[in-house]
N, C-alpha and C. Protein backbone atom coordinates (compact mmCIF):
# COMPACT_ATOMS: atom_id res chain seq x y z
N UNK A 1 24.82 -14.09 109.73
CA UNK A 1 26.32 -14.24 109.19
C UNK A 1 26.29 -15.59 108.39
N UNK A 2 27.01 -15.54 107.30
CA UNK A 2 27.14 -16.84 106.62
C UNK A 2 28.03 -17.87 107.31
N UNK A 3 27.82 -19.14 106.95
CA UNK A 3 28.55 -20.22 107.48
C UNK A 3 30.06 -20.11 107.28
N UNK A 4 30.43 -19.50 106.10
CA UNK A 4 31.85 -19.36 105.61
C UNK A 4 32.50 -18.43 106.71
N UNK A 5 31.83 -17.22 106.91
CA UNK A 5 32.28 -16.26 107.86
C UNK A 5 32.53 -16.76 109.29
N UNK A 6 31.60 -17.67 109.68
CA UNK A 6 31.73 -18.26 111.00
C UNK A 6 32.76 -19.14 111.03
N UNK A 7 32.95 -19.95 110.00
CA UNK A 7 34.13 -20.86 110.12
C UNK A 7 35.52 -20.00 110.05
N UNK A 8 35.50 -19.01 109.15
CA UNK A 8 36.77 -18.26 109.17
C UNK A 8 37.06 -17.71 110.56
N UNK A 9 36.02 -17.03 111.20
CA UNK A 9 36.18 -16.46 112.53
C UNK A 9 36.67 -17.42 113.58
N UNK A 10 36.01 -18.70 113.52
CA UNK A 10 36.47 -19.80 114.48
C UNK A 10 37.80 -20.15 114.19
N UNK A 11 38.27 -20.27 112.91
CA UNK A 11 39.59 -20.65 112.71
C UNK A 11 40.60 -19.65 113.18
N UNK A 12 40.24 -18.50 112.97
CA UNK A 12 41.13 -17.22 113.42
C UNK A 12 41.23 -17.16 114.90
N UNK A 13 40.12 -17.49 115.50
CA UNK A 13 40.24 -17.48 117.02
C UNK A 13 40.98 -18.72 117.64
N UNK A 14 40.99 -19.70 116.86
CA UNK A 14 41.76 -20.92 117.34
C UNK A 14 43.18 -20.64 117.10
N UNK A 15 43.67 -20.09 115.86
CA UNK A 15 44.96 -19.77 115.73
C UNK A 15 45.52 -18.70 116.66
N UNK A 16 44.66 -17.76 116.95
CA UNK A 16 45.19 -16.72 117.99
C UNK A 16 45.37 -17.30 119.38
N UNK A 17 44.44 -18.22 119.63
CA UNK A 17 44.61 -18.92 120.94
C UNK A 17 45.97 -19.73 121.01
N UNK A 18 46.28 -20.42 119.90
CA UNK A 18 47.48 -21.34 119.93
C UNK A 18 48.70 -20.34 119.95
N UNK A 19 48.77 -19.31 119.35
CA UNK A 19 49.75 -18.34 119.33
C UNK A 19 49.93 -17.72 120.80
N UNK A 20 48.81 -17.40 121.52
CA UNK A 20 48.81 -16.98 122.72
C UNK A 20 49.35 -17.94 123.76
N UNK A 21 49.06 -19.22 123.57
CA UNK A 21 49.47 -20.34 124.52
C UNK A 21 51.01 -20.46 124.33
N UNK A 22 51.52 -20.36 123.08
CA UNK A 22 53.06 -20.52 122.84
C UNK A 22 53.75 -19.24 123.44
N UNK A 23 53.30 -18.12 123.21
CA UNK A 23 53.79 -16.83 123.78
C UNK A 23 53.96 -16.88 125.41
N UNK A 24 52.82 -17.33 125.84
CA UNK A 24 52.67 -17.27 127.47
C UNK A 24 53.65 -18.40 127.80
N UNK A 25 53.84 -19.52 127.29
CA UNK A 25 54.78 -20.55 127.62
C UNK A 25 56.11 -20.06 127.61
N UNK A 26 56.53 -19.29 126.56
CA UNK A 26 57.79 -18.75 126.45
C UNK A 26 58.09 -17.69 127.38
N UNK A 27 57.11 -16.84 127.74
CA UNK A 27 57.26 -15.79 128.86
C UNK A 27 57.36 -16.36 130.19
N UNK A 28 56.64 -17.34 130.47
CA UNK A 28 56.83 -18.09 131.79
C UNK A 28 58.09 -18.75 131.96
N UNK A 29 58.57 -19.47 130.97
CA UNK A 29 59.93 -20.01 131.02
C UNK A 29 61.11 -18.96 131.25
N UNK A 30 60.96 -17.86 130.44
CA UNK A 30 61.99 -16.84 130.43
C UNK A 30 61.89 -16.10 131.86
N UNK A 31 60.70 -15.92 132.41
CA UNK A 31 60.54 -15.17 133.68
C UNK A 31 61.21 -16.07 134.87
N UNK A 32 61.02 -17.30 134.77
CA UNK A 32 61.58 -18.17 135.89
C UNK A 32 63.17 -18.31 135.68
N UNK A 33 63.66 -18.44 134.34
CA UNK A 33 64.97 -18.32 134.16
C UNK A 33 65.59 -17.02 134.61
N UNK A 34 65.08 -15.90 134.40
CA UNK A 34 65.43 -14.59 134.88
C UNK A 34 65.47 -14.55 136.36
N UNK A 35 64.45 -15.07 137.04
CA UNK A 35 64.32 -15.03 138.55
C UNK A 35 65.46 -16.02 139.07
N UNK A 36 65.79 -17.08 138.46
CA UNK A 36 66.90 -17.85 138.93
C UNK A 36 68.33 -17.30 138.81
N UNK A 37 68.40 -16.58 137.60
CA UNK A 37 69.63 -15.88 137.33
C UNK A 37 69.85 -14.70 138.22
N UNK A 38 68.75 -13.90 138.55
CA UNK A 38 69.00 -12.96 139.42
C UNK A 38 69.27 -13.38 140.83
N UNK A 39 68.65 -14.49 141.27
CA UNK A 39 68.89 -14.88 142.63
C UNK A 39 70.27 -15.60 142.67
N UNK A 40 70.79 -16.08 141.68
CA UNK A 40 72.30 -16.55 141.65
C UNK A 40 73.19 -15.38 142.00
N UNK A 41 72.83 -14.31 141.38
CA UNK A 41 73.66 -13.15 141.54
C UNK A 41 73.67 -12.49 142.92
N UNK A 42 72.66 -12.49 143.57
CA UNK A 42 72.35 -12.07 144.92
C UNK A 42 71.65 -13.04 145.77
N UNK A 43 72.28 -13.94 146.55
CA UNK A 43 71.64 -15.00 147.24
C UNK A 43 71.10 -14.66 148.53
N UNK A 44 70.13 -13.87 148.55
CA UNK A 44 69.52 -13.61 149.77
C UNK A 44 67.90 -14.14 149.77
N UNK A 45 67.50 -14.60 150.69
CA UNK A 45 66.10 -15.21 150.61
C UNK A 45 65.10 -14.11 150.36
N UNK A 46 65.19 -13.06 151.02
CA UNK A 46 64.14 -12.04 150.84
C UNK A 46 64.10 -11.53 149.36
N UNK A 47 65.11 -11.55 148.63
CA UNK A 47 65.07 -11.05 147.26
C UNK A 47 64.49 -12.19 146.45
N UNK A 48 64.72 -13.42 146.76
CA UNK A 48 64.06 -14.57 146.14
C UNK A 48 62.54 -14.64 146.27
N UNK A 49 62.07 -14.20 147.55
CA UNK A 49 60.69 -14.23 147.83
C UNK A 49 60.01 -13.08 147.14
N UNK A 50 60.48 -11.92 147.08
CA UNK A 50 60.03 -10.85 146.29
C UNK A 50 60.03 -11.15 144.69
N UNK A 51 61.06 -11.71 144.13
CA UNK A 51 60.96 -11.91 142.89
C UNK A 51 59.97 -12.92 142.53
N UNK A 52 59.83 -14.10 143.35
CA UNK A 52 58.98 -15.11 143.09
C UNK A 52 57.42 -14.43 143.20
N UNK A 53 57.32 -13.60 144.18
CA UNK A 53 55.98 -12.98 144.31
C UNK A 53 55.52 -12.05 143.05
N UNK A 54 56.43 -11.32 142.65
CA UNK A 54 56.24 -10.49 141.48
C UNK A 54 55.99 -11.37 140.18
N UNK A 55 56.94 -12.27 139.91
CA UNK A 55 56.85 -13.07 138.70
C UNK A 55 55.65 -14.00 138.70
N UNK A 56 55.33 -14.55 140.11
CA UNK A 56 54.14 -15.35 140.09
C UNK A 56 52.90 -14.65 139.91
N UNK A 57 52.90 -13.29 140.21
CA UNK A 57 51.57 -12.69 140.17
C UNK A 57 51.39 -12.34 138.67
N UNK A 58 52.40 -11.96 138.05
CA UNK A 58 52.40 -11.70 136.51
C UNK A 58 51.96 -13.12 135.84
N UNK A 59 52.58 -14.17 136.12
CA UNK A 59 52.33 -15.49 135.57
C UNK A 59 50.83 -15.94 135.79
N UNK A 60 50.39 -15.77 136.99
CA UNK A 60 48.96 -16.10 137.31
C UNK A 60 47.96 -15.22 136.48
N UNK A 61 48.39 -13.90 136.42
CA UNK A 61 47.39 -13.13 135.52
C UNK A 61 47.57 -13.43 134.09
N UNK A 62 48.57 -13.94 133.70
CA UNK A 62 48.59 -14.34 132.22
C UNK A 62 47.87 -15.74 132.15
N UNK A 63 47.86 -16.54 133.03
CA UNK A 63 47.16 -17.85 133.01
C UNK A 63 45.64 -17.67 133.13
N UNK A 64 45.21 -16.65 133.95
CA UNK A 64 43.76 -16.34 134.02
C UNK A 64 43.42 -15.72 132.63
N UNK A 65 44.20 -14.94 132.06
CA UNK A 65 43.70 -14.41 130.69
C UNK A 65 43.63 -15.55 129.69
N UNK A 66 44.45 -16.48 129.72
CA UNK A 66 44.38 -17.62 128.83
C UNK A 66 43.16 -18.55 129.12
N UNK A 67 42.78 -18.59 130.19
CA UNK A 67 41.60 -19.46 130.66
C UNK A 67 40.25 -18.74 130.21
N UNK A 68 40.41 -17.37 130.35
CA UNK A 68 39.29 -16.53 129.93
C UNK A 68 39.12 -16.71 128.38
N UNK A 69 40.33 -16.62 127.69
CA UNK A 69 40.17 -16.71 126.13
C UNK A 69 39.79 -18.13 125.71
N UNK A 70 40.14 -19.25 126.51
CA UNK A 70 39.86 -20.58 126.25
C UNK A 70 38.33 -20.75 126.27
N UNK A 71 37.74 -20.23 127.49
CA UNK A 71 36.47 -20.41 127.75
C UNK A 71 35.61 -19.66 126.70
N UNK A 72 36.05 -18.53 126.20
CA UNK A 72 35.25 -17.79 125.30
C UNK A 72 35.47 -18.50 123.86
N UNK A 73 36.55 -19.26 123.62
CA UNK A 73 36.75 -20.06 122.48
C UNK A 73 35.83 -21.27 122.54
N UNK A 74 35.67 -21.98 123.67
CA UNK A 74 34.77 -23.22 123.71
C UNK A 74 33.43 -22.81 123.56
N UNK A 75 32.91 -21.65 124.02
CA UNK A 75 31.44 -21.30 123.88
C UNK A 75 31.11 -21.04 122.51
N UNK A 76 31.99 -20.69 121.58
CA UNK A 76 31.65 -20.47 120.17
C UNK A 76 31.44 -21.59 119.29
């Protein structure tokens, strides 16, 4: 593969990673806002624990996906 194609692919991967980081940050912020809003409506500790467990699991999965993409980007 030519150097130009390598540079273009690397720039594309970097821009995709930046977009992914921004989207994940927005999703994490919205998910914790939604958790707080739902907890304010029904103030039971069991509901809060369930919400935090579900949202936390999704957020952890997204962070692991970002770390996987970052390590793939660093290796190139």
